[in-house]
Amino acid sequence: MHADDPALEPNEANSMELDPSSFLVQTAAAYPNRVAVVHGDRTITYAELLARSRRLASALRRAGVEEGDVVSLMATNTPEALEVHYATLMAGAVLNALNIRLDSGLLTFILDHAETKLLITDTEFAGAIGPAVEACAHTPVVIDIVDDLYDGEHVTVGSSDYETFIATGDPADVLPGVADERQPAFLSYTSGTTGDPKGVVSNPRQVYINTLGQIATWAVPRHPVYLWTLPMFHAVGWTCPFSMVAQAGTQICLRRLDTKVARELIQHHDVTHICAAPIVLASLMEDADWRPANTLNILTAGSAPPRPVLEEARRRGLAVTHVYGMTETCGIQTYAVTDPAMDDETFAAMSVRQGVALPTLQGGIRVADPDTCEPVPKDGQTIGEVLFRGNSVMSGYLKNPSTTAEAFSGGWLHSGDLAVWHPDGQIEVMDRSKDIIISGGENISSIEVESTLMAHADIVDAAVVAGPHQKWGETPVAFVTTTRDLTEAEVIEHCRANLAHYKCPTRVVFAELPRTPTGKVQKYVLREQARAGRA
């Protein structure tokens, strides 16, 4: 048998471009009357979601949005946001979901850098969007989402409201869809803590494969009920807009994360799946009497969840899976391997690892020397950089060839995260490369110290950075937020009881932690304070 046999050439019957919007088409055909989306008292069936998405795609085309044009979205987790995810694919456009916490200056930069053709924005954000659009070099068409569940004043900045705009489209129109599975489809900007944000370009192939990887790893069954606690704008919503549709699930919308409301919705709708950062996971359990009626499956990421939180979640019957990824991988790419038969202590210890690669990350992950990309020993001690390779990796950074080349040097995507590789093949992130603390020649993981601090019952937030030390060069400086007055000595003693003494902070600052619009701690601010002696 020869590969060049003309009878084996790809043809229309056996070769199609991978297109995530096909999940909606297939599910609407199978379950047209099943509820796809719930928003307050409003419900949308799969037949309606498909028709509205196609109508919006048609409206975009009729408004002048052509293949490859960027449609930006400034919205909370609402039905309109879901519709835009599908409509842009159907229209052959590129979706740029904006971080709703950004200020006008950053929004202007992104809108101009992306060359946004049309912007769909919720009226809640008129205060930021109005000035941002006015400052743009090329003003996009603006459409306002007027959501009845927004309890503030509806200030419009666009030429039309969403429902009027969508009515200009026809769901029967012929739409271009995905002509090339490697064409740009999603544009997600990094938080830009030390400079301008970078535009991460994802393609339909990447999102399609990531969707299947999430379903397989999370073991998502048919007809899940998913509550939107994760911001949909973050890394294509970890592909949940597509995985939940592929499995004919019901998505419960939530404009703002209010854990009391979230607990009520979980009970009322028998929610089966949510994504939650560790701080959200912890806040869900602030009500000592709360336990979901059914098994609640939770993906958690962003930082390793504290062991006490994992242990408490397990006691309440929550099925927590710790995952890891980045915007450049369109969300999760690894998961911590655990076993329900493990005792609580072992389960918590294994759950804080970033784990192994998803089955769809074909090239896998490795912990390696960042310069040579050669893997480090799997000894659980040698530190290297986490590298990714596979079809689940971004196309590159928009208009930034040098940074793209640097990110892909050696044929791997460089994460910038430092980790160890355990003998069982699981990885454990120890720090960002810029955050590692070197004291007296010893590497100290700020993440390890932070986890120890967070294990204290009265510490609710913690960050550790390097401060200058006359003898050792650098020393850990801890910034903590507490629920009651603690002394520096008490905090240091807690660390000394749980860590090697050289890893313990020598200074403790009690303060609220500065964060980026995406919620990441601005460690560069803390490092400046530590170096300047203000710590």
Protein backbone atom coordinates (compact mmCIF):
# COMPACT_ATOMS: atom_id res chain seq x y z
CA MET A 1 0.00 0.00 0.00
CA HIS A 2 1.37 3.40 -1.00
CA ALA A 3 0.39 6.78 0.38
CA ASP A 4 0.48 8.29 -3.12
CA ASP A 5 -2.26 5.96 -4.39
CA PRO A 6 -4.70 8.34 -6.16
CA ALA A 7 -7.63 6.36 -4.79
CA LEU A 8 -6.62 7.46 -1.30
CA GLU A 9 -6.52 11.19 -2.00
CA PRO A 10 -8.66 13.33 0.35
CA ASN A 11 -12.04 14.25 -1.11
CA GLU A 12 -15.25 16.05 -0.16
CA ALA A 13 -16.64 12.94 1.48
CA ASN A 14 -13.73 12.34 3.87
CA SER A 15 -11.99 15.67 4.42
CA MET A 16 -13.42 18.81 6.04
CA GLU A 17 -11.94 21.75 7.87
CA LEU A 18 -12.39 21.45 11.65
CA ASP A 19 -15.01 24.00 12.72
CA PRO A 20 -16.18 24.34 16.36
CA SER A 21 -19.48 25.89 15.25
CA SER A 22 -20.40 22.47 13.86
CA PHE A 23 -21.01 21.32 17.44
CA LEU A 24 -24.02 23.64 17.60
CA VAL A 25 -25.32 22.54 14.20
CA GLN A 26 -25.15 18.86 15.17
CA THR A 27 -26.63 19.29 18.65
CA ALA A 28 -29.48 21.51 17.40
CA ALA A 29 -30.36 18.80 14.88
CA ALA A 30 -30.39 16.10 17.57
CA TYR A 31 -31.97 18.08 20.44
CA PRO A 32 -33.78 21.11 18.93
CA ASN A 33 -36.15 21.59 21.86
CA ARG A 34 -33.67 21.00 24.66
CA VAL A 35 -32.79 24.07 26.74
CA ALA A 36 -29.33 25.29 25.76
CA VAL A 37 -29.10 28.51 27.78
CA VAL A 38 -30.76 29.90 30.91
CA HIS A 39 -30.50 33.57 31.89
CA GLY A 40 -32.75 34.53 34.77
CA ASP A 41 -36.29 33.62 33.68
CA ARG A 42 -35.25 33.43 30.04
CA THR A 43 -34.58 30.10 28.32
CA ILE A 44 -33.18 29.46 24.84
CA THR A 45 -33.51 26.10 23.10
CA TYR A 46 -30.85 24.65 20.82
CA ALA A 47 -32.97 25.39 17.76
CA GLU A 48 -33.25 29.01 18.89
CA LEU A 49 -29.55 29.30 19.73
CA LEU A 50 -28.60 28.06 16.27
CA ALA A 51 -31.10 30.36 14.53
CA ARG A 52 -30.00 33.41 16.54
CA SER A 53 -26.31 32.66 15.95
CA ARG A 54 -26.88 32.30 12.21
CA ARG A 55 -28.98 35.48 12.17
CA LEU A 56 -26.22 37.37 13.98
CA ALA A 57 -23.61 36.02 11.56
CA SER A 58 -25.76 37.24 8.68
CA ALA A 59 -26.16 40.66 10.33
CA LEU A 60 -22.39 40.92 10.75
CA ARG A 61 -21.84 40.18 7.06
CA ARG A 62 -24.51 42.67 6.01
CA ALA A 63 -22.86 45.30 8.23
CA GLY A 64 -19.62 44.92 6.28
CA VAL A 65 -17.74 42.38 8.40
CA GLU A 66 -15.71 40.31 5.97
CA GLU A 67 -13.68 37.14 6.39
CA GLY A 68 -10.74 37.79 8.71
CA ASP A 69 -12.21 41.00 10.18
CA VAL A 70 -12.15 41.34 13.96
CA VAL A 71 -15.35 41.57 16.00
CA SER A 72 -14.65 42.67 19.58
CA LEU A 73 -16.94 41.75 22.47
CA MET A 74 -17.20 43.56 25.81
CA ALA A 75 -19.70 41.49 27.76
CA THR A 76 -20.37 39.44 30.85
CA ASN A 77 -21.46 35.80 30.80
CA THR A 78 -24.77 36.31 28.97
CA PRO A 79 -26.58 34.54 26.10
CA GLU A 80 -25.39 37.25 23.69
CA ALA A 81 -21.76 36.39 24.48
CA LEU A 82 -22.41 32.75 23.59
CA GLU A 83 -24.13 33.72 20.35
CA VAL A 84 -21.19 35.89 19.32
CA HIS A 85 -18.79 32.94 19.81
CA TYR A 86 -20.70 30.96 17.18
CA ALA A 87 -21.70 33.81 14.89
CA THR A 88 -18.14 35.03 14.31
CA LEU A 89 -17.06 31.53 13.28
CA MET A 90 -20.03 31.23 10.93
CA ALA A 91 -19.22 34.63 9.43
CA GLY A 92 -15.54 33.75 8.94
CA ALA A 93 -14.60 36.58 11.31
CA VAL A 94 -12.27 36.71 14.33
CA LEU A 95 -13.67 37.09 17.86
CA ASN A 96 -11.76 39.33 20.25
CA ALA A 97 -13.36 38.90 23.68
CA LEU A 98 -12.28 41.85 25.83
CA ASN A 99 -11.50 41.71 29.52
CA ILE A 100 -14.37 43.62 31.18
CA ARG A 101 -12.01 44.94 33.88
CA LEU A 102 -9.74 46.88 31.50
CA ASP A 103 -9.55 50.65 31.56
CA SER A 104 -10.17 52.91 28.56
CA GLY A 105 -6.49 53.28 27.70
CA LEU A 106 -5.87 49.55 27.36
CA LEU A 107 -9.16 49.08 25.52
CA THR A 108 -8.15 51.71 22.97
CA PHE A 109 -4.80 50.00 22.48
CA ILE A 110 -6.44 46.61 21.90
CA LEU A 111 -9.17 47.91 19.58
CA ASP A 112 -6.59 49.69 17.44
CA HIS A 113 -4.05 46.86 17.51
CA ALA A 114 -6.73 44.34 16.54
CA GLU A 115 -8.15 46.73 13.90
CA THR A 116 -11.62 45.99 15.24
CA LYS A 117 -14.30 46.36 12.57
CA LEU A 118 -17.32 46.01 14.86
CA LEU A 119 -17.68 46.11 18.64
CA ILE A 120 -20.53 44.52 20.60
CA THR A 121 -20.67 45.90 24.15
CA ASP A 122 -22.90 45.60 27.20
CA THR A 123 -24.33 48.90 28.44
CA GLU A 124 -22.73 48.26 31.83
CA PHE A 125 -19.35 49.15 30.35
CA ALA A 126 -20.27 52.36 28.57
CA GLY A 127 -18.12 54.35 31.00
CA ALA A 128 -14.96 52.60 29.76
CA ILE A 129 -15.99 51.81 26.19
CA GLY A 130 -17.21 55.33 25.29
CA PRO A 131 -13.86 57.09 25.85
CA ALA A 132 -11.96 54.09 24.45
CA VAL A 133 -13.82 54.20 21.14
CA GLU A 134 -13.51 57.99 20.90
CA ALA A 135 -9.73 57.66 21.21
CA CYS A 136 -9.44 54.94 18.55
CA ALA A 137 -7.53 55.77 15.38
CA HIS A 138 -10.17 53.87 13.38
CA THR A 139 -13.61 53.93 14.98
CA PRO A 140 -15.45 50.59 14.86
CA VAL A 141 -19.19 50.16 14.46
CA VAL A 142 -20.62 49.78 17.99
CA ILE A 143 -23.64 47.66 18.98
CA ASP A 144 -25.11 47.81 22.51
CA ILE A 145 -26.29 44.79 24.49
CA VAL A 146 -29.20 45.94 26.68
CA ASP A 147 -29.59 43.14 29.23
CA ASP A 148 -32.69 43.31 31.45
CA LEU A 149 -30.76 41.63 34.27
CA TYR A 150 -28.32 44.53 34.51
CA ASP A 151 -29.62 46.59 37.44
CA GLY A 152 -27.70 49.76 36.59
CA GLU A 153 -28.40 52.59 34.17
CA HIS A 154 -28.40 51.59 30.49
CA VAL A 155 -26.07 54.08 28.79
CA THR A 156 -25.73 53.34 25.09
CA VAL A 157 -22.74 54.33 22.97
CA GLY A 158 -23.52 52.48 19.75
CA SER A 159 -25.52 53.00 16.60
CA SER A 160 -27.94 50.17 17.38
CA ASP A 161 -28.99 47.85 20.17
CA TYR A 162 -28.22 44.13 19.89
CA GLU A 163 -31.77 42.90 19.24
CA THR A 164 -32.38 45.51 16.53
CA PHE A 165 -29.06 44.66 14.94
CA ILE A 166 -29.59 40.90 14.98
CA ALA A 167 -33.01 41.39 13.36
CA THR A 168 -31.26 42.75 10.25
CA GLY A 169 -29.84 39.29 9.56
CA ASP A 170 -31.41 36.23 7.98
CA PRO A 171 -30.61 32.76 9.38
CA ALA A 172 -31.17 31.34 5.89
CA ASP A 173 -28.28 33.36 4.40
CA VAL A 174 -25.35 31.41 2.97
CA LEU A 175 -22.41 31.99 5.34
CA PRO A 176 -18.69 31.47 4.63
CA GLY A 177 -17.92 29.62 7.87
CA VAL A 178 -14.45 28.19 8.38
CA ALA A 179 -12.72 27.99 5.00
CA ASP A 180 -9.35 27.03 6.50
CA GLU A 181 -9.07 25.39 9.91
CA ARG A 182 -5.83 27.29 10.53
CA GLN A 183 -7.30 30.73 9.82
CA PRO A 184 -7.40 33.17 12.74
CA ALA A 185 -10.63 32.70 14.70
CA PHE A 186 -10.05 34.00 18.23
CA LEU A 187 -7.87 36.85 19.45
CA SER A 188 -7.20 36.92 23.20
CA TYR A 189 -4.97 39.55 24.79
CA THR A 190 -2.65 38.76 27.69
CA SER A 191 -2.87 40.91 30.81
CA GLY A 192 0.17 43.05 29.98
CA THR A 193 1.50 43.45 33.53
CA THR A 194 4.86 44.88 32.41
CA GLY A 195 4.02 46.27 28.96
CA ASP A 196 1.41 46.34 26.22
CA PRO A 197 -0.81 43.23 26.06
CA LYS A 198 0.06 40.60 23.45
CA GLY A 199 -2.63 39.37 21.07
CA VAL A 200 -2.78 35.57 21.14
CA VAL A 201 -4.24 34.18 17.90
CA SER A 202 -6.09 30.86 18.08
CA ASN A 203 -7.43 28.94 15.09
CA PRO A 204 -10.51 26.72 14.66
CA ARG A 205 -8.40 23.55 14.64
CA GLN A 206 -6.87 24.42 18.01
CA VAL A 207 -10.24 25.20 19.60
CA TYR A 208 -11.92 22.11 18.14
CA ILE A 209 -9.20 19.79 19.42
CA ASN A 210 -9.06 21.53 22.80
CA THR A 211 -12.82 21.10 23.13
CA LEU A 212 -12.53 17.34 22.67
CA GLY A 213 -9.60 17.23 25.08
CA GLN A 214 -11.59 18.99 27.78
CA ILE A 215 -14.56 16.65 27.32
CA ALA A 216 -12.29 13.60 27.57
CA THR A 217 -10.29 14.82 30.56
CA TRP A 218 -13.28 16.08 32.55
CA ALA A 219 -15.36 13.06 31.48
CA VAL A 220 -18.22 15.39 30.55
CA PRO A 221 -21.36 13.26 30.10
CA ARG A 222 -24.33 13.88 27.83
CA HIS A 223 -26.56 16.76 29.07
CA PRO A 224 -24.35 18.43 31.69
CA VAL A 225 -25.61 21.55 33.48
CA TYR A 226 -22.86 24.16 33.51
CA LEU A 227 -22.78 27.37 35.58
CA TRP A 228 -20.73 30.25 34.18
CA THR A 229 -18.50 31.30 37.08
CA LEU A 230 -15.40 31.54 34.85
CA PRO A 231 -15.26 34.76 32.78
CA MET A 232 -16.15 33.74 29.24
CA PHE A 233 -13.58 36.21 27.89
CA HIS A 234 -10.73 34.28 29.53
CA ALA A 235 -8.86 32.01 27.08
CA VAL A 236 -11.98 31.30 24.97
CA GLY A 237 -13.77 30.32 28.18
CA TRP A 238 -11.48 27.26 28.43
CA THR A 239 -13.54 26.06 25.38
CA CYS A 240 -16.63 25.58 27.59
CA PRO A 241 -18.83 27.49 25.08
CA PHE A 242 -18.17 24.55 22.75
CA SER A 243 -17.75 21.53 25.03
CA MET A 244 -21.08 22.11 26.75
CA VAL A 245 -22.83 22.44 23.39
CA ALA A 246 -21.08 19.37 21.97
CA GLN A 247 -22.51 17.37 24.88
CA ALA A 248 -25.97 18.96 24.56
CA GLY A 249 -25.67 20.64 27.95
CA THR A 250 -27.51 23.53 29.53
CA GLN A 251 -25.46 26.65 30.26
CA ILE A 252 -26.59 28.80 33.19
CA CYS A 253 -25.52 32.42 32.72
CA LEU A 254 -24.32 34.62 35.56
CA ARG A 255 -23.53 38.30 34.94
CA ARG A 256 -21.41 38.73 38.05
CA LEU A 257 -19.74 36.20 40.31
CA ASP A 258 -21.64 36.33 43.59
CA THR A 259 -20.91 33.13 45.49
CA LYS A 260 -24.19 33.29 47.42
CA VAL A 261 -26.11 33.53 44.14
CA ALA A 262 -23.87 30.84 42.64
CA ARG A 263 -24.70 28.44 45.48
CA GLU A 264 -28.42 29.12 44.98
CA LEU A 265 -28.18 28.52 41.22
CA ILE A 266 -26.22 25.31 41.77
CA GLN A 267 -29.01 24.00 43.99
CA HIS A 268 -31.90 25.31 41.88
CA HIS A 269 -30.65 24.02 38.53
CA ASP A 270 -28.88 20.86 39.77
CA VAL A 271 -25.64 22.17 38.29
CA THR A 272 -23.14 19.41 37.49
CA HIS A 273 -20.10 21.36 36.24
CA ILE A 274 -18.33 24.65 36.95
CA CYS A 275 -14.87 26.15 36.42
CA ALA A 276 -13.48 28.06 39.37
CA ALA A 277 -10.21 29.63 40.42
CA PRO A 278 -9.04 28.42 43.86
CA ILE A 279 -10.25 31.64 45.50
CA VAL A 280 -13.73 31.08 44.03
CA LEU A 281 -13.68 27.45 45.14
CA ALA A 282 -12.84 28.57 48.67
CA SER A 283 -15.54 31.24 48.69
CA LEU A 284 -18.19 28.73 47.63
CA MET A 285 -17.51 26.87 50.86
CA GLU A 286 -17.70 29.90 53.14
CA ASP A 287 -21.20 28.74 54.04
CA ALA A 288 -20.41 25.92 56.47
CA ASP A 289 -23.78 24.25 55.84
CA TRP A 290 -23.64 24.30 52.04
CA ARG A 291 -23.37 21.03 50.16
CA PRO A 292 -24.62 20.48 46.60
CA ALA A 293 -27.42 17.94 46.27
CA ASN A 294 -25.59 16.12 43.46
CA THR A 295 -21.94 15.63 42.58
CA LEU A 296 -20.49 18.96 41.47
CA ASN A 297 -17.53 18.60 39.10
CA ILE A 298 -15.09 21.50 39.32
CA LEU A 299 -12.13 22.43 37.15
CA THR A 300 -9.78 24.70 39.09
CA ALA A 301 -6.73 26.53 37.75
CA GLY A 302 -4.82 29.78 37.88
CA SER A 303 -2.76 28.70 40.87
CA ALA A 304 -2.47 25.51 42.87
CA PRO A 305 -5.43 25.27 45.27
CA PRO A 306 -4.45 25.23 48.97
CA ARG A 307 -4.58 21.76 50.51
CA PRO A 308 -7.10 22.73 53.22
CA VAL A 309 -9.48 23.93 50.49
CA LEU A 310 -9.09 20.66 48.57
CA GLU A 311 -9.65 18.59 51.69
CA GLU A 312 -12.77 20.54 52.64
CA ALA A 313 -14.11 20.32 49.07
CA ARG A 314 -13.66 16.56 49.13
CA ARG A 315 -15.46 16.28 52.45
CA ARG A 316 -18.42 18.08 50.90
CA GLY A 317 -18.58 15.76 47.92
CA LEU A 318 -17.10 18.15 45.35
CA ALA A 319 -15.14 16.46 42.57
CA VAL A 320 -12.23 18.86 42.02
CA THR A 321 -9.78 18.46 39.14
CA HIS A 322 -6.73 20.72 39.13
CA VAL A 323 -5.82 21.74 35.58
CA TYR A 324 -3.19 23.98 34.02
CA GLY A 325 -2.70 25.93 30.83
CA MET A 326 -2.31 29.44 29.48
CA THR A 327 -3.94 31.85 27.05
CA GLU A 328 -1.48 30.64 24.41
CA THR A 329 -2.92 27.11 24.73
CA CYS A 330 -6.53 28.29 24.73
CA GLY A 331 -6.99 27.16 28.30
CA ILE A 332 -6.26 23.85 29.97
CA GLN A 333 -3.62 21.44 28.69
CA THR A 334 -2.75 19.33 31.73
CA TYR A 335 -4.57 17.76 34.66
CA ALA A 336 -3.54 16.35 38.03
CA VAL A 337 -3.92 12.58 38.18
CA THR A 338 -5.76 11.43 41.30
CA ASP A 339 -7.67 8.38 42.49
CA PRO A 340 -10.89 8.43 44.56
CA ALA A 341 -9.39 5.64 46.67
CA MET A 342 -6.62 7.94 47.93
CA ASP A 343 -6.79 9.11 51.52
CA ASP A 344 -7.45 12.83 52.03
CA GLU A 345 -3.81 13.77 52.62
CA THR A 346 -2.52 11.90 49.55
CA PHE A 347 -5.36 13.20 47.41
CA ALA A 348 -4.60 16.80 48.37
CA ALA A 349 -0.86 16.32 47.81
CA MET A 350 -1.42 14.92 44.31
CA SER A 351 -4.11 17.45 43.41
CA VAL A 352 -1.81 20.46 43.76
CA ARG A 353 0.35 19.17 40.90
CA GLN A 354 -0.25 20.36 37.35
CA GLY A 355 -0.06 16.72 36.28
CA VAL A 356 0.10 15.23 32.81
CA ALA A 357 -0.89 16.34 29.32
CA LEU A 358 -4.42 16.09 27.97
CA PRO A 359 -4.78 13.20 25.50
CA THR A 360 -5.28 15.71 22.68
CA LEU A 361 -1.96 17.49 23.28
CA GLN A 362 -0.23 15.19 20.81
CA GLY A 363 3.31 16.48 21.28
CA GLY A 364 2.89 16.48 25.04
CA ILE A 365 4.63 18.52 27.70
CA ARG A 366 8.08 18.42 29.13
CA VAL A 367 10.08 20.11 31.84
CA ALA A 368 13.29 21.15 30.16
CA ASP A 369 16.30 23.41 29.99
CA PRO A 370 14.82 26.60 28.46
CA ASP A 371 17.83 27.12 26.18
CA THR A 372 18.31 23.60 24.80
CA CYS A 373 14.78 22.24 25.34
CA GLU A 374 16.40 19.05 26.62
CA PRO A 375 14.27 17.42 29.35
CA VAL A 376 15.39 17.52 32.97
CA PRO A 377 15.52 14.33 35.04
CA LYS A 378 12.22 13.08 36.44
CA ASP A 379 13.47 13.31 39.98
CA GLY A 380 10.98 15.77 41.48
CA GLN A 381 13.85 18.15 42.28
CA THR A 382 15.52 19.49 39.14
CA ILE A 383 13.86 22.70 37.99
CA GLY A 384 13.20 23.42 34.32
CA GLU A 385 10.72 25.31 32.16
CA VAL A 386 7.35 23.85 31.17
CA LEU A 387 7.18 23.41 27.39
CA PHE A 388 4.16 22.51 25.22
CA ARG A 389 3.93 20.98 21.75
CA GLY A 390 0.89 20.01 19.70
CA ASN A 391 -2.14 21.10 17.72
CA SER A 392 -3.57 22.72 20.84
CA VAL A 393 -1.00 25.54 20.76
CA MET A 394 -1.67 29.06 19.45
CA SER A 395 -0.88 30.22 15.94
CA GLY A 396 1.23 33.06 17.33
CA TYR A 397 1.13 36.66 18.56
CA LEU A 398 -0.62 39.16 16.30
CA LYS A 399 1.82 41.54 14.53
CA ASN A 400 4.66 40.38 16.77
CA PRO A 401 6.98 38.01 14.86
CA SER A 402 9.98 38.40 17.17
CA THR A 403 8.03 37.54 20.34
CA THR A 404 6.34 34.66 18.50
CA ALA A 405 9.72 33.28 17.41
CA GLU A 406 11.01 33.58 20.97
CA ALA A 407 7.97 31.77 22.35
CA PHE A 408 8.43 28.91 19.85
CA SER A 409 12.23 28.65 20.08
CA GLY A 410 13.52 25.10 19.83
CA GLY A 411 10.24 23.82 18.42
CA TRP A 412 8.29 24.11 21.68
CA LEU A 413 5.96 26.70 23.20
CA HIS A 414 7.78 28.18 26.19
CA SER A 415 5.46 28.83 29.12
CA GLY A 416 7.80 30.86 31.34
CA ASP A 417 6.76 28.60 34.23
CA LEU A 418 9.39 26.73 36.21
CA ALA A 419 8.55 23.22 37.38
CA VAL A 420 9.89 19.88 38.50
CA TRP A 421 9.12 16.55 36.84
CA HIS A 422 8.16 13.77 39.21
CA PRO A 423 9.15 10.11 38.67
CA ASP A 424 5.50 9.24 37.89
CA GLY A 425 5.55 11.68 34.95
CA GLN A 426 3.51 14.44 36.56
CA ILE A 427 4.79 18.00 36.55
CA GLU A 428 4.55 20.46 39.42
CA VAL A 429 4.96 24.16 38.77
CA MET A 430 7.24 25.82 41.29
CA ASP A 431 7.23 29.40 40.03
CA ARG A 432 7.25 31.80 37.13
CA SER A 433 10.80 32.16 35.82
CA LYS A 434 10.87 35.80 36.92
CA ASP A 435 9.48 34.98 40.38
CA ILE A 436 11.94 32.32 41.58
CA ILE A 437 13.88 33.45 44.68
CA ILE A 438 17.59 32.60 44.89
CA SER A 439 18.82 32.87 48.46
CA GLY A 440 22.37 31.86 49.27
CA GLY A 441 22.48 29.81 46.06
CA GLU A 442 19.28 27.92 46.93
CA ASN A 443 16.19 28.13 44.70
CA ILE A 444 13.04 28.97 46.68
CA SER A 445 9.64 28.53 45.06
CA SER A 446 7.38 31.46 45.87
CA ILE A 447 4.42 29.19 45.09
CA GLU A 448 5.48 26.69 47.76
CA VAL A 449 5.80 29.44 50.37
CA GLU A 450 2.48 30.98 49.31
CA SER A 451 0.75 27.61 49.64
CA THR A 452 2.14 27.25 53.14
CA LEU A 453 0.93 30.73 54.07
CA MET A 454 -2.53 30.01 52.66
CA ALA A 455 -2.76 26.92 54.86
CA HIS A 456 -2.99 29.25 57.87
CA ALA A 457 -6.63 29.55 58.93
CA ASP A 458 -6.46 33.35 59.23
CA ILE A 459 -4.66 34.12 55.93
CA VAL A 460 -6.95 34.60 52.94
CA ASP A 461 -4.48 35.90 50.36
CA ALA A 462 -0.71 35.74 50.02
CA ALA A 463 2.12 36.58 47.66
CA VAL A 464 5.86 36.09 48.11
CA VAL A 465 8.62 37.95 46.26
CA ALA A 466 12.37 38.35 46.51
CA GLY A 467 13.71 41.15 48.68
CA PRO A 468 17.36 42.16 49.05
CA HIS A 469 19.45 40.52 51.79
CA GLN A 470 22.94 41.67 52.76
CA LYS A 471 24.27 38.15 53.35
CA TRP A 472 22.17 35.83 51.17
CA GLY A 473 21.53 38.13 48.21
CA GLU A 474 17.78 37.57 48.22
CA THR A 475 15.26 36.66 50.89
CA PRO A 476 11.54 35.83 50.74
CA VAL A 477 9.24 38.74 51.60
CA ALA A 478 5.61 37.81 52.24
CA PHE A 479 2.60 40.04 51.57
CA VAL A 480 -0.53 38.68 53.22
CA THR A 481 -4.17 39.55 53.75
CA THR A 482 -5.69 38.23 56.98
CA THR A 483 -9.08 37.82 58.62
CA ARG A 484 -7.77 38.93 62.02
CA ASP A 485 -4.76 40.74 63.40
CA LEU A 486 -1.64 38.58 63.20
CA THR A 487 1.91 39.50 64.07
CA GLU A 488 4.88 39.09 61.79
CA ALA A 489 6.35 36.62 64.28
CA GLU A 490 3.21 34.45 64.18
CA VAL A 491 3.30 34.24 60.39
CA ILE A 492 7.01 33.43 60.26
CA GLU A 493 6.62 30.79 62.98
CA HIS A 494 3.81 29.16 60.98
CA CYS A 495 6.13 28.93 57.99
CA ARG A 496 9.05 27.60 60.05
CA ALA A 497 6.79 24.84 61.36
CA ASN A 498 5.95 23.72 57.82
CA LEU A 499 8.96 24.60 55.64
CA ALA A 500 12.71 24.30 55.60
CA HIS A 501 13.89 27.38 57.49
CA TYR A 502 15.81 28.87 54.55
CA LYS A 503 12.53 29.03 52.59
CA CYS A 504 10.71 31.04 55.24
CA PRO A 505 9.95 34.75 54.86
CA THR A 506 12.14 37.08 56.87
CA ARG A 507 9.69 39.95 56.43
CA VAL A 508 5.89 40.03 56.41
CA VAL A 509 3.72 42.87 55.12
CA PHE A 510 0.01 42.95 55.89
CA ALA A 511 -1.86 44.47 52.93
CA GLU A 512 -4.36 43.97 50.15
CA LEU A 513 -2.57 42.53 47.13
CA PRO A 514 -2.43 44.59 43.90
CA ARG A 515 -3.91 42.69 40.97
CA THR A 516 -4.18 43.01 37.20
CA PRO A 517 -7.59 43.28 35.50
CA THR A 518 -7.49 39.48 35.06
CA GLY A 519 -6.96 38.95 38.78
CA LYS A 520 -3.26 38.09 38.72
CA VAL A 521 -1.11 39.46 41.52
CA GLN A 522 1.12 42.27 40.28
CA LYS A 523 4.31 40.87 41.72
CA TYR A 524 6.44 43.49 40.01
CA VAL A 525 4.75 46.09 42.23
CA LEU A 526 5.51 44.03 45.32
CA ARG A 527 9.12 43.47 44.21
CA GLU A 528 9.58 47.22 43.82
CA GLN A 529 8.24 47.75 47.33
CA ALA A 530 10.50 45.03 48.72
CA ARG A 531 13.59 46.41 46.95
CA ALA A 532 12.82 49.99 47.99
CA GLY A 533 12.56 48.98 51.62
CA ARG A 534 8.88 49.90 51.79
CA ALA A 535 8.26 46.27 52.64
